[in-house]
N, C-alpha and C. Protein backbone atom coordinates (compact mmCIF):
# COMPACT_ATOMS: atom_id res chain seq x y z
N MET A 1 0.81 -1.21 0.00
CA MET A 1 0.00 0.00 0.00
C MET A 1 0.85 1.27 0.00
N LYS A 2 2.12 1.15 0.26
CA LYS A 2 2.95 2.35 0.33
C LYS A 2 3.04 3.09 -1.01
N PRO A 3 3.12 2.42 -2.17
CA PRO A 3 3.15 3.18 -3.43
C PRO A 3 1.86 3.97 -3.66
N LEU A 4 0.72 3.38 -3.28
CA LEU A 4 -0.55 4.08 -3.44
C LEU A 4 -0.60 5.30 -2.51
N ALA A 5 -0.12 5.16 -1.30
CA ALA A 5 -0.10 6.29 -0.36
C ALA A 5 0.82 7.38 -0.89
N PHE A 6 1.95 6.98 -1.46
CA PHE A 6 2.88 7.96 -2.02
C PHE A 6 2.23 8.71 -3.18
N LEU A 7 1.53 8.00 -4.05
CA LEU A 7 0.85 8.65 -5.18
C LEU A 7 -0.26 9.59 -4.70
N LEU A 8 -0.99 9.18 -3.68
CA LEU A 8 -2.03 10.05 -3.13
C LEU A 8 -1.41 11.31 -2.51
N LEU A 9 -0.30 11.15 -1.83
CA LEU A 9 0.37 12.30 -1.23
C LEU A 9 0.89 13.25 -2.31
N ILE A 10 1.51 12.71 -3.36
CA ILE A 10 2.00 13.54 -4.46
C ILE A 10 0.83 14.25 -5.14
N GLY A 11 -0.28 13.55 -5.36
CA GLY A 11 -1.46 14.17 -5.96
C GLY A 11 -2.01 15.30 -5.10
N PHE A 12 -2.01 15.09 -3.78
CA PHE A 12 -2.49 16.12 -2.86
C PHE A 12 -1.60 17.36 -2.92
N VAL A 13 -0.30 17.16 -2.91
CA VAL A 13 0.63 18.29 -2.91
C VAL A 13 0.55 19.05 -4.24
N VAL A 14 0.54 18.32 -5.35
CA VAL A 14 0.52 18.99 -6.67
C VAL A 14 -0.79 19.73 -6.89
N SER A 15 -1.92 19.08 -6.63
CA SER A 15 -3.19 19.76 -6.87
C SER A 15 -3.41 20.90 -5.88
N GLY A 16 -2.98 20.74 -4.65
CA GLY A 16 -3.10 21.83 -3.68
C GLY A 16 -2.24 23.02 -4.06
N THR A 17 -1.03 22.75 -4.54
CA THR A 17 -0.14 23.83 -4.98
C THR A 17 -0.72 24.55 -6.18
N LEU A 18 -1.26 23.80 -7.13
CA LEU A 18 -1.89 24.43 -8.30
C LEU A 18 -3.08 25.27 -7.88
N GLY A 19 -3.91 24.76 -7.00
CA GLY A 19 -5.09 25.51 -6.56
C GLY A 19 -4.73 26.77 -5.80
N LEU A 20 -3.70 26.68 -4.96
CA LEU A 20 -3.31 27.85 -4.17
C LEU A 20 -2.48 28.85 -4.97
N SER A 21 -1.90 28.42 -6.08
CA SER A 21 -1.05 29.33 -6.86
C SER A 21 -1.84 30.49 -7.46
N TYR A 22 -3.14 30.31 -7.64
CA TYR A 22 -3.95 31.40 -8.19
C TYR A 22 -4.04 32.58 -7.23
N TYR A 23 -3.83 32.34 -5.94
CA TYR A 23 -3.86 33.44 -4.98
C TYR A 23 -2.60 34.30 -5.04
N PHE A 24 -1.55 33.79 -5.68
CA PHE A 24 -0.28 34.51 -5.73
C PHE A 24 0.14 34.84 -7.15
N TRP A 25 -0.80 34.78 -8.09
CA TRP A 25 -0.51 35.07 -9.48
C TRP A 25 -0.14 36.54 -9.62
N PRO A 26 0.97 36.90 -10.26
CA PRO A 26 1.46 38.28 -10.21
C PRO A 26 0.72 39.27 -11.10
N ASP A 27 0.14 38.85 -12.22
CA ASP A 27 -0.40 39.84 -13.17
C ASP A 27 -1.89 39.69 -13.43
N LEU A 28 -2.66 39.40 -12.39
CA LEU A 28 -4.11 39.32 -12.55
C LEU A 28 -4.71 40.72 -12.38
N PRO A 29 -5.73 41.06 -13.19
CA PRO A 29 -6.32 42.40 -13.08
C PRO A 29 -7.17 42.54 -11.82
N THR A 30 -7.25 43.77 -11.32
CA THR A 30 -8.05 44.04 -10.12
C THR A 30 -9.43 44.58 -10.45
N THR A 31 -9.71 44.76 -11.72
CA THR A 31 -11.05 45.15 -12.18
C THR A 31 -11.49 44.14 -13.22
N PRO A 32 -12.78 43.87 -13.30
CA PRO A 32 -13.24 42.89 -14.30
C PRO A 32 -12.98 43.38 -15.73
N GLU A 33 -12.54 42.48 -16.57
CA GLU A 33 -12.30 42.79 -17.98
C GLU A 33 -13.20 41.90 -18.81
N VAL A 34 -14.32 42.46 -19.24
CA VAL A 34 -15.31 41.68 -19.96
C VAL A 34 -14.77 41.23 -21.31
N ARG A 35 -13.98 42.04 -21.96
CA ARG A 35 -13.42 41.69 -23.28
C ARG A 35 -12.55 40.45 -23.23
N SER A 36 -11.71 40.37 -22.23
CA SER A 36 -10.82 39.21 -22.13
C SER A 36 -11.47 38.05 -21.37
N GLY A 37 -12.65 38.25 -20.80
CA GLY A 37 -13.36 37.20 -20.09
C GLY A 37 -12.98 37.06 -18.64
N ARG A 38 -12.23 37.99 -18.11
CA ARG A 38 -11.82 37.92 -16.70
C ARG A 38 -12.90 38.56 -15.83
N VAL A 39 -13.91 37.76 -15.52
CA VAL A 39 -15.04 38.26 -14.74
C VAL A 39 -15.32 37.42 -13.50
N TYR A 40 -14.50 36.40 -13.24
CA TYR A 40 -14.70 35.53 -12.09
C TYR A 40 -13.79 35.98 -10.95
N PRO A 41 -14.37 36.51 -9.87
CA PRO A 41 -13.54 37.09 -8.80
C PRO A 41 -12.89 36.02 -7.91
N ILE A 42 -11.71 36.35 -7.42
CA ILE A 42 -11.03 35.55 -6.42
C ILE A 42 -10.42 36.54 -5.42
N SER A 43 -10.66 36.29 -4.13
CA SER A 43 -10.19 37.20 -3.10
C SER A 43 -8.85 36.71 -2.56
N SER A 44 -7.88 37.61 -2.51
CA SER A 44 -6.56 37.23 -2.02
C SER A 44 -6.02 38.33 -1.10
N GLY A 45 -6.04 38.09 0.17
CA GLY A 45 -5.46 39.03 1.13
C GLY A 45 -6.09 40.40 1.10
N GLY A 46 -7.38 40.48 0.97
CA GLY A 46 -8.07 41.76 0.96
C GLY A 46 -8.17 42.40 -0.40
N HIS A 47 -7.58 41.80 -1.42
CA HIS A 47 -7.67 42.31 -2.79
C HIS A 47 -8.48 41.34 -3.61
N VAL A 48 -9.23 41.86 -4.56
CA VAL A 48 -10.01 41.02 -5.45
C VAL A 48 -9.35 41.02 -6.82
N TYR A 49 -9.10 39.83 -7.33
CA TYR A 49 -8.55 39.66 -8.68
C TYR A 49 -9.57 38.91 -9.51
N TYR A 50 -9.43 39.01 -10.83
CA TYR A 50 -10.42 38.41 -11.72
C TYR A 50 -9.77 37.39 -12.63
N LEU A 51 -10.44 36.23 -12.77
CA LEU A 51 -9.95 35.12 -13.57
C LEU A 51 -10.86 34.89 -14.77
N THR A 52 -10.33 34.18 -15.78
CA THR A 52 -11.18 33.73 -16.89
C THR A 52 -11.95 32.50 -16.42
N LYS A 53 -12.89 32.06 -17.23
CA LYS A 53 -13.68 30.89 -16.84
C LYS A 53 -12.80 29.66 -16.71
N GLY A 54 -11.86 29.48 -17.64
CA GLY A 54 -10.96 28.33 -17.57
C GLY A 54 -10.10 28.35 -16.33
N GLN A 55 -9.55 29.50 -15.99
CA GLN A 55 -8.73 29.62 -14.78
C GLN A 55 -9.58 29.36 -13.53
N HIS A 56 -10.79 29.89 -13.54
CA HIS A 56 -11.69 29.70 -12.40
C HIS A 56 -12.01 28.22 -12.20
N LEU A 57 -12.33 27.51 -13.28
CA LEU A 57 -12.65 26.09 -13.17
C LEU A 57 -11.42 25.27 -12.77
N THR A 58 -10.26 25.64 -13.29
CA THR A 58 -9.03 24.95 -12.91
C THR A 58 -8.73 25.16 -11.42
N HIS A 59 -8.91 26.38 -10.96
CA HIS A 59 -8.69 26.71 -9.54
C HIS A 59 -9.61 25.89 -8.65
N LEU A 60 -10.90 25.90 -8.95
CA LEU A 60 -11.86 25.16 -8.12
C LEU A 60 -11.63 23.66 -8.21
N GLY A 61 -11.34 23.17 -9.41
CA GLY A 61 -11.10 21.74 -9.59
C GLY A 61 -9.86 21.26 -8.85
N ALA A 62 -8.80 22.06 -8.87
CA ALA A 62 -7.56 21.67 -8.19
C ALA A 62 -7.77 21.65 -6.67
N ILE A 63 -8.48 22.62 -6.15
CA ILE A 63 -8.75 22.64 -4.71
C ILE A 63 -9.62 21.44 -4.32
N ALA A 64 -10.66 21.16 -5.11
CA ALA A 64 -11.53 20.01 -4.82
C ALA A 64 -10.75 18.70 -4.93
N LEU A 65 -9.91 18.59 -5.94
CA LEU A 65 -9.12 17.37 -6.12
C LEU A 65 -8.12 17.17 -4.98
N SER A 66 -7.57 18.25 -4.46
CA SER A 66 -6.65 18.10 -3.33
C SER A 66 -7.38 17.55 -2.11
N PHE A 67 -8.63 17.96 -1.89
CA PHE A 67 -9.40 17.41 -0.78
C PHE A 67 -9.73 15.94 -1.02
N VAL A 68 -10.00 15.55 -2.27
CA VAL A 68 -10.26 14.15 -2.59
C VAL A 68 -9.03 13.30 -2.28
N PHE A 69 -7.85 13.78 -2.68
CA PHE A 69 -6.61 13.06 -2.38
C PHE A 69 -6.39 12.96 -0.88
N LEU A 70 -6.65 14.04 -0.15
CA LEU A 70 -6.47 14.02 1.30
C LEU A 70 -7.42 13.03 1.97
N ILE A 71 -8.67 13.02 1.55
CA ILE A 71 -9.65 12.08 2.10
C ILE A 71 -9.23 10.64 1.77
N GLY A 72 -8.72 10.44 0.54
CA GLY A 72 -8.22 9.11 0.17
C GLY A 72 -7.07 8.67 1.06
N LEU A 73 -6.16 9.57 1.37
CA LEU A 73 -5.06 9.25 2.28
C LEU A 73 -5.56 8.86 3.67
N VAL A 74 -6.52 9.63 4.18
CA VAL A 74 -7.04 9.36 5.51
C VAL A 74 -7.77 8.02 5.53
N ILE A 75 -8.59 7.75 4.53
CA ILE A 75 -9.33 6.48 4.47
C ILE A 75 -8.36 5.31 4.35
N MET A 76 -7.35 5.46 3.51
CA MET A 76 -6.38 4.38 3.35
C MET A 76 -5.63 4.13 4.64
N ARG A 77 -5.23 5.19 5.31
CA ARG A 77 -4.47 5.05 6.56
C ARG A 77 -5.33 4.41 7.65
N LYS A 78 -6.60 4.78 7.70
CA LYS A 78 -7.46 4.31 8.79
C LYS A 78 -8.05 2.93 8.54
N TYR A 79 -8.46 2.64 7.29
CA TYR A 79 -9.22 1.41 7.04
C TYR A 79 -8.50 0.38 6.17
N VAL A 80 -7.64 0.81 5.26
CA VAL A 80 -7.05 -0.13 4.31
C VAL A 80 -5.67 -0.58 4.74
N ASP A 81 -4.87 0.32 5.28
CA ASP A 81 -3.50 0.01 5.66
C ASP A 81 -3.48 -1.04 6.75
N ASP A 82 -2.53 -1.97 6.68
CA ASP A 82 -2.40 -3.03 7.66
C ASP A 82 -1.82 -2.47 8.95
N PRO A 83 -2.58 -2.48 10.05
CA PRO A 83 -2.07 -1.87 11.28
C PRO A 83 -0.89 -2.64 11.88
N THR A 84 -0.71 -3.92 11.53
CA THR A 84 0.41 -4.68 12.09
C THR A 84 1.73 -4.29 11.45
N SER A 85 1.69 -3.59 10.29
CA SER A 85 2.93 -3.20 9.64
C SER A 85 3.50 -1.90 10.21
N ARG A 86 2.76 -1.24 11.06
CA ARG A 86 3.23 0.01 11.64
C ARG A 86 4.20 -0.26 12.78
N ARG A 87 5.07 0.70 13.03
CA ARG A 87 5.99 0.60 14.15
C ARG A 87 5.22 0.66 15.45
N PRO A 88 5.61 -0.12 16.44
CA PRO A 88 4.92 0.01 17.73
C PRO A 88 5.18 1.38 18.34
N GLY A 89 4.18 1.89 19.02
CA GLY A 89 4.30 3.21 19.62
C GLY A 89 5.28 3.22 20.78
N LYS A 90 5.84 4.36 21.05
CA LYS A 90 6.74 4.51 22.18
C LYS A 90 6.07 5.41 23.20
N TYR A 91 6.46 5.19 24.46
CA TYR A 91 5.90 6.01 25.52
C TYR A 91 6.49 7.41 25.46
N ILE A 92 5.64 8.40 25.57
CA ILE A 92 6.12 9.76 25.71
C ILE A 92 6.56 9.97 27.16
N PHE A 93 5.74 9.49 28.07
CA PHE A 93 6.05 9.51 29.49
C PHE A 93 6.03 8.06 29.97
N PRO A 94 6.87 7.70 30.93
CA PRO A 94 6.82 6.32 31.42
C PRO A 94 5.51 6.07 32.15
N PRO A 95 5.05 4.82 32.15
CA PRO A 95 3.81 4.52 32.87
C PRO A 95 4.00 4.70 34.37
N PRO A 96 2.93 4.91 35.11
CA PRO A 96 3.06 5.08 36.56
C PRO A 96 3.70 3.85 37.21
N ALA A 97 4.45 4.09 38.28
CA ALA A 97 5.13 3.00 38.98
C ALA A 97 4.11 2.01 39.53
N GLY A 98 4.46 0.73 39.41
CA GLY A 98 3.59 -0.31 39.96
C GLY A 98 2.50 -0.77 39.01
N THR A 99 2.44 -0.22 37.82
CA THR A 99 1.38 -0.63 36.89
C THR A 99 1.80 -1.81 36.01
N GLY A 100 3.06 -2.22 36.12
CA GLY A 100 3.51 -3.35 35.35
C GLY A 100 3.85 -3.02 33.92
N GLY A 101 4.19 -1.77 33.66
CA GLY A 101 4.58 -1.37 32.33
C GLY A 101 5.91 -1.99 31.95
N PRO A 102 6.33 -1.86 30.70
CA PRO A 102 7.56 -2.50 30.26
C PRO A 102 8.79 -1.94 30.97
N GLY A 103 9.58 -2.86 31.54
CA GLY A 103 10.85 -2.48 32.13
C GLY A 103 10.79 -1.99 33.57
N ILE A 104 9.61 -1.97 34.19
CA ILE A 104 9.55 -1.45 35.56
C ILE A 104 8.89 -2.45 36.51
N GLU A 105 8.90 -3.76 36.13
CA GLU A 105 8.23 -4.74 36.98
C GLU A 105 8.87 -4.86 38.37
N GLY A 106 10.20 -4.70 38.43
CA GLY A 106 10.88 -4.89 39.70
C GLY A 106 10.94 -3.65 40.58
N ARG A 107 10.50 -2.52 40.12
CA ARG A 107 10.61 -1.28 40.91
C ARG A 107 9.54 -1.22 41.99
N LYS A 108 9.94 -0.58 43.06
CA LYS A 108 8.99 -0.35 44.15
C LYS A 108 8.55 1.10 44.12
N PRO A 109 7.27 1.39 44.37
CA PRO A 109 6.82 2.79 44.35
C PRO A 109 7.36 3.61 45.49
């Protein structure tokens, strides 16, 4: 399952980057331009920029696709991935004395 998880992660990063790149596009107009078709607004940091229909659909599709990839990763990790293949967890804090945790059976409280 690791190759599939890697592909889902790459898809999430690429589509998310493409979707977010429209917020940082350097030469988008700040007023609608009906002649060029830039009439679809996008708000970026208090400024409104205008996209063409194709750019608008690409932006929305990339953002939606990144969420699909993320949901796929979560579902795969939670339900499909074999839990026995994961590394065993480590204690952040040792268990309380006298509870019989690993390595402290002989200690007295």
